[in-house]
Amino acid sequence: AFILLFALIGGGTHGFATTTLTSSTTLSTSSITPTTTTPLAFKRVPFTTSLSAVALEQDQQALHAADSQEDINDKVGVLLLNLGGPETGEDVEGFLYNLFSDPDIIRLPGPLTAFQPAIATVISKRRAPKSRAAYESIGGGSPILKYSNSQADLIRASLKERYDLDVETYIGMRYWRPFTEEALDKIRRDNIGALVILPLYPQFSISTSGSSLRVLQEEFAKNGEKYREMMHTVVPAWYDRPGYVKAMADLIVNELDSFTPEEIKEGSESGDSSCARHVLFSAHGVPQSYIEAGDPYQAQIRDCVKKISEALPGEDQGVQIHLSYQSRVGPIEWLRPYTDDVLPELGAKGVKNLVVVPISFVSEHIETLEEIDLEYRELAEESGISNWRRCPALNTDQTFIDDMADMVVDALSEPAQSVTEACVANNVGDVEQAFDEGISTVGVGGVGAEGDLLAKERLKNNERINGRIAMMGVALTLLVELLRGESLMNIFSSSGSA
């Protein structure tokens, strides 16, 4: 799904100036350390806002309701967000329909939006056989739900064991079961008092974490009364956490250490580099127009690679680092360099020993198991890279799991960031429309945006125009290829969804 999120709208996002937003509301006033038995104490702290009369009134109502409670609900929930993927071949067509019917994936010009369900039906039926074959090559379905469930269970166990903190964990998938809306139903039934929202993407992009958060934002705005007694906070990105960096570095070092003396000798004697071992970080690509519209993804990827690289052997120890972007599709410009260009280049330079690291993913799915393991490995070997290694995804790595648990505790102990704040701060979509329509931006239970948010985040007209032009170009390409009966940008020939 990652591939489709980035491909089909090609810049159809609205740009905001990036800001760092901090609410004066905290979810917990307790100082929590491992093995403590002190229960969390949630506290709503009043703040002022000038966003709108509606927002202010809802904020005041939430605070009044909180003050009138005799017993504050300190039941904690953790919501893990991901894109989802078909578990069986029978799920593929429905999954594709959900994907393509989302206007965040194909943003048609206004007069054509009524045709989106029909277009989604045509695309999903046309793509299903090829996509189904791709999933067959990795066992018949996506393993992403299996890994997400395991991660949730282990995070809950780590919180209990290391912090004596009881939490309920939930999985919310964007395009397949269990859907985010289903997770929210369970959260309400369980009477959760404080919810920590963790997208399972280390780096933020407007089409991954942003897309999932917009589902929550719309639900909270439309049905605020249902969530009035529940506080929430979001961790939009966490690529720079020391625990995550260490977990990634440890996995990479394991692969580097697996090269035999003979392989290292082979690498030393070939090519124009003094390094016998090479590491290629392969990040999922994103259209260049996303970056121009304010998506922080590329900057976060670069910073992430830098931090992990600092924990790895350097060139003085015979290891050279590279970065590329995979899964590009369509006629638009994507972030460069492309992985399928870099591999032949490395081969031409005499590189023999290569570790490929899927840096955008925390669990195995079709883009690691099929695109990297099958397609890119074949390309590498054809290019002369004889000793291939692929760093596994984090999956259930204990260092990673414990760091996720630590992240939950940190989120409960620090000032809260609402869904709306996270969207605005990371340049996600039509947030200005929400202001103009009087939708509350103060979040749930009084956790919300700063008073001068609207003035700072007005859409830039040139970015809006560029995005709409890109969207119309992609929509035209889509329509022409459907009419011609040809493959739509080979979407699932080189990659797939989760």
Protein backbone atom coordinates (compact mmCIF):
# COMPACT_ATOMS: atom_id res chain seq x y z
CA ALA A 1 0.00 0.00 0.00
CA PHE A 2 2.94 2.28 0.67
CA ILE A 3 3.74 2.27 -3.05
CA LEU A 4 0.25 3.37 -4.05
CA LEU A 5 -0.03 6.05 -1.41
CA PHE A 6 2.97 7.83 -2.81
CA ALA A 7 2.41 7.16 -6.50
CA LEU A 8 -1.00 8.14 -7.57
CA ILE A 9 -1.52 11.69 -6.34
CA GLY A 10 1.98 12.91 -7.10
CA GLY A 11 1.96 16.16 -5.24
CA GLY A 12 -1.68 16.65 -4.54
CA THR A 13 -1.10 17.86 -1.03
CA HIS A 14 -1.40 21.24 0.55
CA GLY A 15 1.68 22.87 1.92
CA PHE A 16 1.98 24.44 5.35
CA ALA A 17 4.99 25.93 7.04
CA THR A 18 6.32 23.28 9.36
CA THR A 19 6.06 24.17 13.03
CA THR A 20 6.67 22.40 16.29
CA LEU A 21 3.55 22.46 18.39
CA THR A 22 3.32 21.72 22.08
CA SER A 23 0.13 21.62 24.10
CA SER A 24 0.07 22.73 27.68
CA THR A 25 -1.95 19.63 28.49
CA THR A 26 -0.21 16.58 29.89
CA LEU A 27 -1.61 13.09 30.01
CA SER A 28 0.31 12.21 33.10
CA THR A 29 1.88 14.19 35.88
CA SER A 30 3.63 11.17 37.32
CA SER A 31 7.34 10.64 37.03
CA ILE A 32 7.51 7.06 35.82
CA THR A 33 10.55 4.86 36.15
CA PRO A 34 10.92 1.12 35.54
CA THR A 35 9.35 -1.15 38.16
CA THR A 36 7.38 1.71 39.73
CA THR A 37 3.97 0.80 41.10
CA THR A 38 2.65 4.35 41.19
CA PRO A 39 -0.55 4.57 39.12
CA LEU A 40 -0.78 7.16 36.41
CA ALA A 41 -2.65 10.34 37.32
CA PHE A 42 -4.15 12.07 34.31
CA LYS A 43 -4.58 15.80 34.46
CA ARG A 44 -6.32 18.21 32.13
CA VAL A 45 -4.66 21.61 32.16
CA PRO A 46 -6.67 24.58 30.86
CA PHE A 47 -5.29 26.65 28.02
CA THR A 48 -6.59 29.46 25.86
CA THR A 49 -7.22 29.43 22.14
CA SER A 50 -8.41 32.00 19.64
CA LEU A 51 -9.05 29.56 16.81
CA SER A 52 -12.80 29.84 16.81
CA ALA A 53 -15.77 30.25 19.11
CA VAL A 54 -16.71 26.65 18.45
CA ALA A 55 -13.29 25.38 19.39
CA LEU A 56 -13.19 27.46 22.55
CA GLU A 57 -16.67 26.38 23.61
CA GLN A 58 -15.86 22.70 23.09
CA ASP A 59 -12.62 23.12 25.00
CA GLN A 60 -14.38 24.72 27.93
CA GLN A 61 -17.07 22.03 27.93
CA ALA A 62 -14.43 19.32 27.98
CA LEU A 63 -12.63 20.92 30.90
CA HIS A 64 -15.87 21.40 32.82
CA ALA A 65 -16.79 17.75 32.29
CA ALA A 66 -13.36 16.69 33.48
CA ASP A 67 -13.57 18.86 36.60
CA SER A 68 -16.98 17.41 37.49
CA GLN A 69 -15.69 13.83 37.55
CA GLU A 70 -15.28 12.33 40.98
CA ASP A 71 -12.97 9.60 39.70
CA ILE A 72 -10.69 10.33 36.81
CA ASN A 73 -10.48 7.45 34.33
CA ASP A 74 -6.84 6.40 34.17
CA LYS A 75 -7.33 3.38 31.91
CA VAL A 76 -4.62 3.54 29.24
CA GLY A 77 -4.88 2.39 25.64
CA VAL A 78 -2.24 2.21 22.92
CA LEU A 79 -3.39 2.41 19.30
CA LEU A 80 -0.89 1.15 16.69
CA LEU A 81 -1.60 2.43 13.18
CA ASN A 82 -0.58 0.75 9.95
CA LEU A 83 -1.76 0.42 6.35
CA GLY A 84 -2.86 -3.22 6.43
CA GLY A 85 -2.76 -5.81 3.71
CA PRO A 86 -4.72 -8.75 2.31
CA GLU A 87 -4.32 -11.91 4.35
CA THR A 88 -5.46 -14.21 1.55
CA GLY A 89 -5.83 -14.09 -2.20
CA GLU A 90 -9.57 -13.59 -1.79
CA ASP A 91 -8.91 -10.34 0.10
CA VAL A 92 -6.84 -8.71 -2.62
CA GLU A 93 -9.59 -7.16 -4.73
CA GLY A 94 -11.41 -5.70 -1.73
CA PHE A 95 -8.17 -4.33 -0.36
CA LEU A 96 -7.39 -2.67 -3.68
CA TYR A 97 -10.86 -1.18 -3.88
CA ASN A 98 -10.47 0.40 -0.44
CA LEU A 99 -7.09 1.75 -1.49
CA PHE A 100 -8.17 3.31 -4.77
CA SER A 101 -11.48 4.64 -3.50
CA ASP A 102 -9.63 6.79 -0.98
CA PRO A 103 -9.35 10.38 -2.29
CA ASP A 104 -5.98 10.61 -0.54
CA ILE A 105 -4.74 7.99 -3.02
CA ILE A 106 -6.38 9.20 -6.23
CA ARG A 107 -7.32 12.85 -5.87
CA LEU A 108 -9.48 13.52 -8.88
CA PRO A 109 -10.37 17.07 -9.97
CA GLY A 110 -13.66 18.23 -8.46
CA PRO A 111 -15.99 17.40 -11.37
CA LEU A 112 -14.63 13.84 -11.52
CA THR A 113 -14.88 12.91 -7.84
CA ALA A 114 -18.30 11.33 -8.35
CA PHE A 115 -16.63 8.74 -10.60
CA GLN A 116 -14.08 7.63 -7.99
CA PRO A 117 -16.00 4.51 -6.81
CA ALA A 118 -16.40 3.36 -10.41
CA ILE A 119 -12.73 3.99 -11.15
CA ALA A 120 -11.72 2.14 -8.00
CA THR A 121 -13.85 -0.82 -9.04
CA VAL A 122 -12.24 -0.98 -12.49
CA ILE A 123 -8.70 -0.66 -11.15
CA SER A 124 -9.15 -3.20 -8.37
CA LYS A 125 -10.58 -5.80 -10.77
CA ARG A 126 -7.81 -5.17 -13.28
CA ARG A 127 -5.00 -5.20 -10.71
CA ALA A 128 -6.20 -8.12 -8.61
CA PRO A 129 -4.73 -10.99 -10.68
CA LYS A 130 -1.25 -9.48 -10.83
CA SER A 131 -1.32 -8.46 -7.19
CA ARG A 132 -2.61 -11.89 -6.19
CA ALA A 133 0.33 -13.50 -7.99
CA ALA A 134 2.76 -11.25 -6.12
CA TYR A 135 1.28 -12.34 -2.80
CA GLU A 136 1.43 -15.97 -3.88
CA SER A 137 5.19 -15.55 -4.26
CA ILE A 138 5.47 -14.71 -0.55
CA GLY A 139 3.07 -17.30 0.80
CA GLY A 140 -0.36 -16.12 -0.30
CA GLY A 141 -0.96 -13.03 1.82
CA SER A 142 0.53 -10.14 3.74
CA PRO A 143 2.13 -10.97 7.10
CA ILE A 144 1.77 -7.39 8.32
CA LEU A 145 -1.19 -8.06 10.64
CA LYS A 146 0.54 -11.04 12.21
CA TYR A 147 3.60 -8.93 13.02
CA SER A 148 1.51 -5.96 14.19
CA ASN A 149 -0.44 -8.18 16.59
CA SER A 150 2.79 -9.66 17.94
CA GLN A 151 4.28 -6.21 18.40
CA ALA A 152 1.17 -5.06 20.27
CA ASP A 153 1.24 -8.08 22.58
CA LEU A 154 4.94 -7.68 23.32
CA ILE A 155 4.67 -3.94 23.95
CA ARG A 156 1.88 -4.60 26.45
CA ALA A 157 3.98 -7.27 28.17
CA SER A 158 7.03 -4.99 28.29
CA LEU A 159 5.01 -2.18 29.88
CA LYS A 160 3.70 -4.55 32.52
CA GLU A 161 7.04 -6.17 33.27
CA ARG A 162 9.22 -3.08 33.23
CA TYR A 163 6.81 -0.37 34.45
CA ASP A 164 4.03 -2.32 36.17
CA LEU A 165 1.71 -0.48 33.79
CA ASP A 166 -1.44 -2.18 32.55
CA VAL A 167 -2.53 -1.06 29.09
CA GLU A 168 -4.86 -2.27 26.38
CA THR A 169 -3.40 -2.39 22.87
CA TYR A 170 -5.29 -1.98 19.60
CA ILE A 171 -4.45 -2.32 15.91
CA GLY A 172 -5.96 0.12 13.42
CA MET A 173 -5.30 -0.62 9.73
CA ARG A 174 -5.98 1.94 7.04
CA TYR A 175 -7.13 -0.25 4.15
CA TRP A 176 -7.90 -3.71 5.49
CA ARG A 177 -9.13 -5.42 8.60
CA PRO A 178 -9.05 -4.54 11.40
CA PHE A 179 -9.88 -1.03 10.20
CA THR A 180 -9.09 2.03 12.29
CA GLU A 181 -12.80 2.58 12.85
CA GLU A 182 -13.10 -0.93 14.32
CA ALA A 183 -10.25 -0.19 16.71
CA LEU A 184 -12.00 3.00 17.85
CA ASP A 185 -15.19 1.04 18.54
CA LYS A 186 -13.22 -1.31 20.81
CA ILE A 187 -11.52 1.62 22.52
CA ARG A 188 -14.88 3.18 23.39
CA ARG A 189 -16.30 -0.13 24.61
CA ASP A 190 -13.26 -0.60 26.84
CA ASN A 191 -13.79 2.86 28.35
CA ILE A 192 -10.24 4.02 27.70
CA GLY A 193 -9.43 7.25 29.53
CA ALA A 194 -6.10 8.08 27.85
CA LEU A 195 -5.04 6.92 24.40
CA VAL A 196 -1.48 6.94 23.03
CA ILE A 197 -1.50 6.85 19.22
CA LEU A 198 1.61 5.33 17.61
CA PRO A 199 1.86 5.09 13.82
CA LEU A 200 4.09 2.12 12.97
CA TYR A 201 6.19 4.26 10.63
CA PRO A 202 9.48 5.56 12.06
CA GLN A 203 9.46 8.53 9.68
CA PHE A 204 6.43 10.71 9.04
CA SER A 205 4.93 11.10 5.59
CA ILE A 206 1.67 12.76 4.70
CA SER A 207 0.57 9.59 2.87
CA THR A 208 1.31 7.06 5.59
CA SER A 209 1.12 8.38 9.14
CA GLY A 210 -0.69 11.45 7.82
CA SER A 211 -3.34 9.41 6.03
CA SER A 212 -4.04 7.32 9.12
CA LEU A 213 -4.18 10.36 11.38
CA ARG A 214 -6.66 12.06 9.08
CA VAL A 215 -9.07 9.17 9.64
CA LEU A 216 -8.82 9.81 13.36
CA GLN A 217 -9.12 13.56 12.92
CA GLU A 218 -12.33 13.20 10.92
CA GLU A 219 -13.81 10.75 13.42
CA PHE A 220 -12.99 12.96 16.40
CA ALA A 221 -14.37 16.04 14.64
CA LYS A 222 -17.63 14.36 13.59
CA ASN A 223 -18.27 12.38 16.77
CA GLY A 224 -16.59 14.42 19.46
CA GLU A 225 -19.26 13.62 22.04
CA LYS A 226 -18.31 9.95 21.93
CA TYR A 227 -14.72 10.72 22.88
CA ARG A 228 -15.23 13.67 25.23
CA GLU A 229 -13.97 11.80 28.28
CA MET A 230 -10.96 10.33 26.52
CA MET A 231 -7.67 12.16 26.25
CA HIS A 232 -5.23 11.34 23.48
CA THR A 233 -1.73 12.10 22.34
CA VAL A 234 0.15 11.26 19.14
CA VAL A 235 3.78 10.33 18.51
CA PRO A 236 4.03 11.37 14.84
CA ALA A 237 7.61 10.18 14.21
CA TRP A 238 10.20 8.35 16.27
CA TYR A 239 13.08 7.55 13.89
CA ASP A 240 15.54 9.41 16.12
CA ARG A 241 14.89 7.49 19.33
CA PRO A 242 18.11 5.92 20.68
CA GLY A 243 16.42 2.55 21.19
CA TYR A 244 15.22 2.41 17.60
CA VAL A 245 18.61 3.49 16.28
CA LYS A 246 20.37 0.85 18.38
CA ALA A 247 17.97 -1.90 17.30
CA MET A 248 18.54 -1.09 13.64
CA ALA A 249 22.30 -0.81 14.04
CA ASP A 250 22.49 -4.16 15.85
CA LEU A 251 20.62 -5.93 13.04
CA ILE A 252 22.88 -4.37 10.41
CA VAL A 253 26.06 -5.26 12.28
CA ASN A 254 24.88 -8.86 12.46
CA GLU A 255 24.67 -8.93 8.68
CA LEU A 256 28.02 -7.19 8.23
CA ASP A 257 29.64 -9.72 10.53
CA SER A 258 28.22 -12.59 8.48
CA PHE A 259 30.57 -12.00 5.54
CA THR A 260 33.27 -14.66 5.48
CA PRO A 261 37.00 -13.87 5.26
CA GLU A 262 36.92 -15.13 1.67
CA GLU A 263 34.06 -12.78 0.80
CA ILE A 264 35.79 -9.83 2.44
CA LYS A 265 38.93 -10.63 0.49
CA GLU A 266 36.93 -10.78 -2.72
CA GLY A 267 35.40 -7.40 -1.95
CA SER A 268 38.78 -5.87 -1.14
CA GLU A 269 40.35 -6.98 -4.38
CA SER A 270 37.61 -5.74 -6.69
CA GLY A 271 36.31 -2.33 -7.58
CA ASP A 272 37.47 1.21 -7.07
CA SER A 273 36.55 1.46 -3.39
CA SER A 274 38.78 0.72 -0.43
CA CYS A 275 35.76 -0.69 1.40
CA ALA A 276 35.09 -4.40 1.18
CA ARG A 277 31.56 -4.17 2.65
CA HIS A 278 28.71 -1.88 1.68
CA VAL A 279 25.39 -0.98 3.28
CA LEU A 280 22.51 0.26 1.12
CA PHE A 281 19.62 1.85 3.00
CA SER A 282 16.60 1.42 0.73
CA ALA A 283 13.84 3.78 1.80
CA HIS A 284 10.40 3.76 0.29
CA GLY A 285 10.14 6.48 -2.31
CA VAL A 286 7.81 9.46 -2.39
CA PRO A 287 7.04 11.83 -5.28
CA GLN A 288 9.31 14.85 -5.30
CA SER A 289 6.24 17.09 -5.27
CA TYR A 290 5.40 15.83 -1.78
CA ILE A 291 8.66 17.24 -0.49
CA GLU A 292 8.04 20.53 -2.26
CA ALA A 293 4.65 20.69 -0.53
CA GLY A 294 6.25 20.32 2.91
CA ASP A 295 6.37 16.58 3.56
CA PRO A 296 9.13 16.04 6.19
CA TYR A 297 9.80 12.48 5.01
CA GLN A 298 13.02 12.99 3.05
CA ALA A 299 14.67 15.07 5.75
CA GLN A 300 13.71 12.49 8.38
CA ILE A 301 15.03 9.62 6.24
CA ARG A 302 18.38 11.36 5.81
CA ASP A 303 18.64 12.14 9.51
CA CYS A 304 17.63 8.58 10.37
CA VAL A 305 20.30 7.08 8.11
CA LYS A 306 22.88 9.46 9.55
CA LYS A 307 22.10 8.46 13.12
CA ILE A 308 22.17 4.73 12.37
CA SER A 309 25.36 5.08 10.34
CA GLU A 310 27.09 6.71 13.28
CA ALA A 311 26.51 3.47 15.21
CA LEU A 312 28.02 1.32 12.42
CA PRO A 313 31.63 0.64 11.41
CA GLY A 314 32.94 3.48 9.23
CA GLU A 315 34.95 3.62 6.06
CA ASP A 316 38.12 3.35 8.10
CA GLN A 317 36.83 -0.11 9.05
CA GLY A 318 35.99 -1.04 5.49
CA VAL A 319 32.25 -0.20 5.43
CA GLN A 320 30.67 2.32 3.05
CA ILE A 321 27.10 3.63 3.38
CA HIS A 322 24.63 4.38 0.56
CA LEU A 323 21.02 5.60 0.44
CA SER A 324 18.43 5.03 -2.27
CA TYR A 325 14.64 5.01 -2.71
CA GLN A 326 12.57 2.08 -3.91
CA SER A 327 9.11 1.40 -5.35
CA ARG A 328 8.74 4.35 -7.68
CA VAL A 329 5.90 4.13 -10.18
CA GLY A 330 4.28 6.29 -12.79
CA PRO A 331 5.38 9.22 -14.94
CA ILE A 332 6.17 11.66 -12.15
CA GLU A 333 9.51 12.47 -10.54
CA TRP A 334 10.30 10.58 -7.33
CA LEU A 335 13.05 10.99 -4.78
CA ARG A 336 16.42 9.99 -6.15
CA PRO A 337 18.59 8.00 -6.41
CA TYR A 338 16.41 5.01 -7.27
CA THR A 339 17.33 1.63 -5.80
CA ASP A 340 17.06 -0.09 -9.18
CA ASP A 341 19.57 2.44 -10.55
CA VAL A 342 21.97 2.25 -7.61
CA LEU A 343 22.33 -1.54 -7.63
CA PRO A 344 23.74 -1.69 -11.18
CA GLU A 345 25.98 1.28 -10.39
CA LEU A 346 27.40 -0.48 -7.36
CA GLY A 347 27.93 -3.61 -9.41
CA ALA A 348 29.75 -1.63 -12.10
CA LYS A 349 32.06 -0.24 -9.41
CA GLY A 350 33.04 -3.75 -8.37
CA VAL A 351 31.01 -4.00 -5.15
CA LYS A 352 30.71 -7.66 -4.11
CA ASN A 353 29.47 -7.56 -0.52
CA LEU A 354 26.22 -5.69 0.07
CA VAL A 355 23.76 -5.44 2.98
CA VAL A 356 20.40 -3.97 1.93
CA VAL A 357 18.42 -2.33 4.74
CA PRO A 358 14.67 -1.61 4.38
CA ILE A 359 14.70 1.59 6.42
CA SER A 360 11.01 2.60 6.10
CA PHE A 361 9.48 -0.61 7.45
CA VAL A 362 9.26 -2.18 10.91
CA SER A 363 7.77 -5.49 9.79
CA GLU A 364 8.10 -7.80 6.83
CA HIS A 365 5.60 -7.38 4.02
CA ILE A 366 5.45 -7.57 0.26
CA GLU A 367 7.95 -4.76 -0.36
CA THR A 368 10.63 -6.50 1.68
CA LEU A 369 9.77 -10.13 0.90
CA GLU A 370 9.02 -9.70 -2.80
CA GLU A 371 10.46 -6.44 -4.10
CA ILE A 372 13.75 -6.54 -2.19
CA ASP A 373 14.28 -10.26 -1.63
CA LEU A 374 13.27 -11.38 -5.11
CA GLU A 375 13.43 -8.52 -7.61
CA TYR A 376 16.29 -6.45 -6.22
CA ARG A 377 18.37 -9.47 -5.31
CA GLU A 378 18.09 -10.77 -8.86
CA LEU A 379 19.08 -7.34 -10.21
CA ALA A 380 22.04 -7.15 -7.83
CA GLU A 381 23.34 -10.57 -8.80
CA GLU A 382 22.93 -9.77 -12.49
CA SER A 383 25.00 -6.63 -11.82
CA GLY A 384 27.87 -8.63 -10.30
CA ILE A 385 27.09 -8.21 -6.60
CA SER A 386 27.80 -11.79 -5.62
CA ASN A 387 27.41 -11.72 -1.82
CA TRP A 388 23.96 -10.40 -0.97
CA ARG A 389 22.59 -9.84 2.50
CA ARG A 390 19.26 -8.34 3.49
CA CYS A 391 18.83 -6.90 6.96
CA PRO A 392 15.56 -8.18 8.45
CA ALA A 393 12.84 -5.79 9.50
CA LEU A 394 12.62 -5.08 13.21
CA ASN A 395 9.54 -7.30 13.61
CA THR A 396 9.66 -8.46 17.27
CA ASP A 397 13.25 -7.47 18.08
CA GLN A 398 13.36 -7.04 21.86
CA THR A 399 15.35 -3.79 21.83
CA PHE A 400 12.78 -2.34 19.46
CA ILE A 401 9.83 -3.61 21.51
CA ASP A 402 11.22 -2.19 24.75
CA ASP A 403 11.85 1.16 23.08
CA MET A 404 8.24 1.23 21.86
CA ALA A 405 7.14 0.58 25.44
CA ASP A 406 9.41 3.39 26.63
CA MET A 407 7.83 5.61 23.98
CA VAL A 408 4.39 4.98 25.45
CA VAL A 409 5.59 5.97 28.91
CA ASP A 410 7.31 9.06 27.53
CA ALA A 411 4.13 10.05 25.69
CA LEU A 412 2.09 9.72 28.88
CA SER A 413 4.57 11.82 30.83
CA GLU A 414 5.11 14.65 28.35
CA PRO A 415 2.90 17.44 26.97
CA ALA A 416 0.28 15.96 24.68
CA GLN A 417 0.11 16.47 20.94
CA SER A 418 -3.35 16.08 19.45
CA VAL A 419 -4.18 14.49 16.12
CA THR A 420 -4.92 17.92 14.68
CA GLU A 421 -1.62 19.31 15.91
CA ALA A 422 0.27 16.39 14.41
CA CYS A 423 -1.46 16.88 11.07
CA VAL A 424 -0.82 20.61 10.95
CA ALA A 425 2.77 20.36 12.15
CA ASN A 426 3.54 17.83 9.41
CA ASN A 427 1.68 19.59 6.59
CA VAL A 428 -1.18 17.14 6.20
CA GLY A 429 -4.00 18.08 3.87
CA ASP A 430 -7.05 20.25 4.28
CA VAL A 431 -6.55 21.32 7.87
CA GLU A 432 -7.40 24.90 6.94
CA GLN A 433 -10.77 23.68 5.73
CA ALA A 434 -11.38 22.25 9.18
CA PHE A 435 -10.72 25.67 10.68
CA ASP A 436 -12.96 27.42 8.19
CA GLU A 437 -15.83 24.99 8.80
CA GLY A 438 -15.62 25.50 12.54
CA ILE A 439 -14.44 21.98 13.27
CA SER A 440 -12.87 21.80 16.70
CA THR A 441 -9.10 21.72 16.65
CA VAL A 442 -8.72 21.41 20.38
CA GLY A 443 -8.60 17.65 20.16
CA VAL A 444 -10.30 15.36 22.64
CA GLY A 445 -10.63 16.17 26.29
CA GLY A 446 -8.99 19.59 25.96
CA VAL A 447 -5.82 18.45 24.20
CA GLY A 448 -5.45 20.69 21.20
CA ALA A 449 -3.87 23.28 18.99
CA GLU A 450 -2.23 26.54 19.99
CA GLY A 451 -4.15 29.76 19.60
CA ASP A 452 -2.23 31.22 16.68
CA LEU A 453 -2.19 27.98 14.68
CA LEU A 454 -4.49 29.14 11.92
CA ALA A 455 -2.55 32.31 11.19
CA LYS A 456 0.70 30.38 10.89
CA GLU A 457 -0.64 27.58 8.70
CA ARG A 458 -2.44 29.25 5.78
CA LEU A 459 -2.13 27.37 2.53
CA LYS A 460 0.39 28.71 0.05
CA ASN A 461 -1.30 29.33 -3.30
CA ASN A 462 1.64 28.26 -5.42
CA GLU A 463 1.88 24.92 -3.60
CA ARG A 464 -1.86 24.40 -4.01
CA ILE A 465 -1.62 25.06 -7.77
CA ASN A 466 1.42 22.82 -8.23
CA GLY A 467 -0.27 20.03 -6.34
CA ARG A 468 -3.50 20.30 -8.36
CA ILE A 469 -1.57 20.25 -11.65
CA ALA A 470 0.27 17.12 -10.55
CA MET A 471 -2.99 15.48 -9.47
CA MET A 472 -4.67 16.23 -12.79
CA GLY A 473 -1.67 14.80 -14.64
CA VAL A 474 -1.84 11.56 -12.69
CA ALA A 475 -5.62 11.39 -13.10
CA LEU A 476 -5.25 11.84 -16.85
CA THR A 477 -2.61 9.11 -16.99
CA LEU A 478 -4.91 6.84 -15.04
CA LEU A 479 -7.85 7.48 -17.36
CA VAL A 480 -5.86 7.02 -20.56
CA GLU A 481 -4.29 3.76 -19.43
CA LEU A 482 -7.63 2.38 -18.29
CA LEU A 483 -9.17 3.20 -21.68
CA ARG A 484 -6.25 1.60 -23.50
CA GLY A 485 -6.51 -1.50 -21.33
CA GLU A 486 -2.83 -1.44 -20.41
CA SER A 487 -1.20 -1.93 -17.04
CA LEU A 488 -1.57 1.13 -14.82
CA MET A 489 2.05 2.15 -14.27
CA ASN A 490 2.94 -1.48 -13.51
CA ILE A 491 1.82 -0.88 -9.95
CA PHE A 492 2.21 -4.42 -8.73
CA SER A 493 4.84 -5.68 -11.16
CA SER A 494 7.75 -4.34 -9.16
CA SER A 495 6.10 -3.88 -5.82
CA GLY A 496 2.86 -4.14 -4.01
CA SER A 497 0.97 -3.22 -0.97
CA ALA A 498 1.72 -3.96 2.66
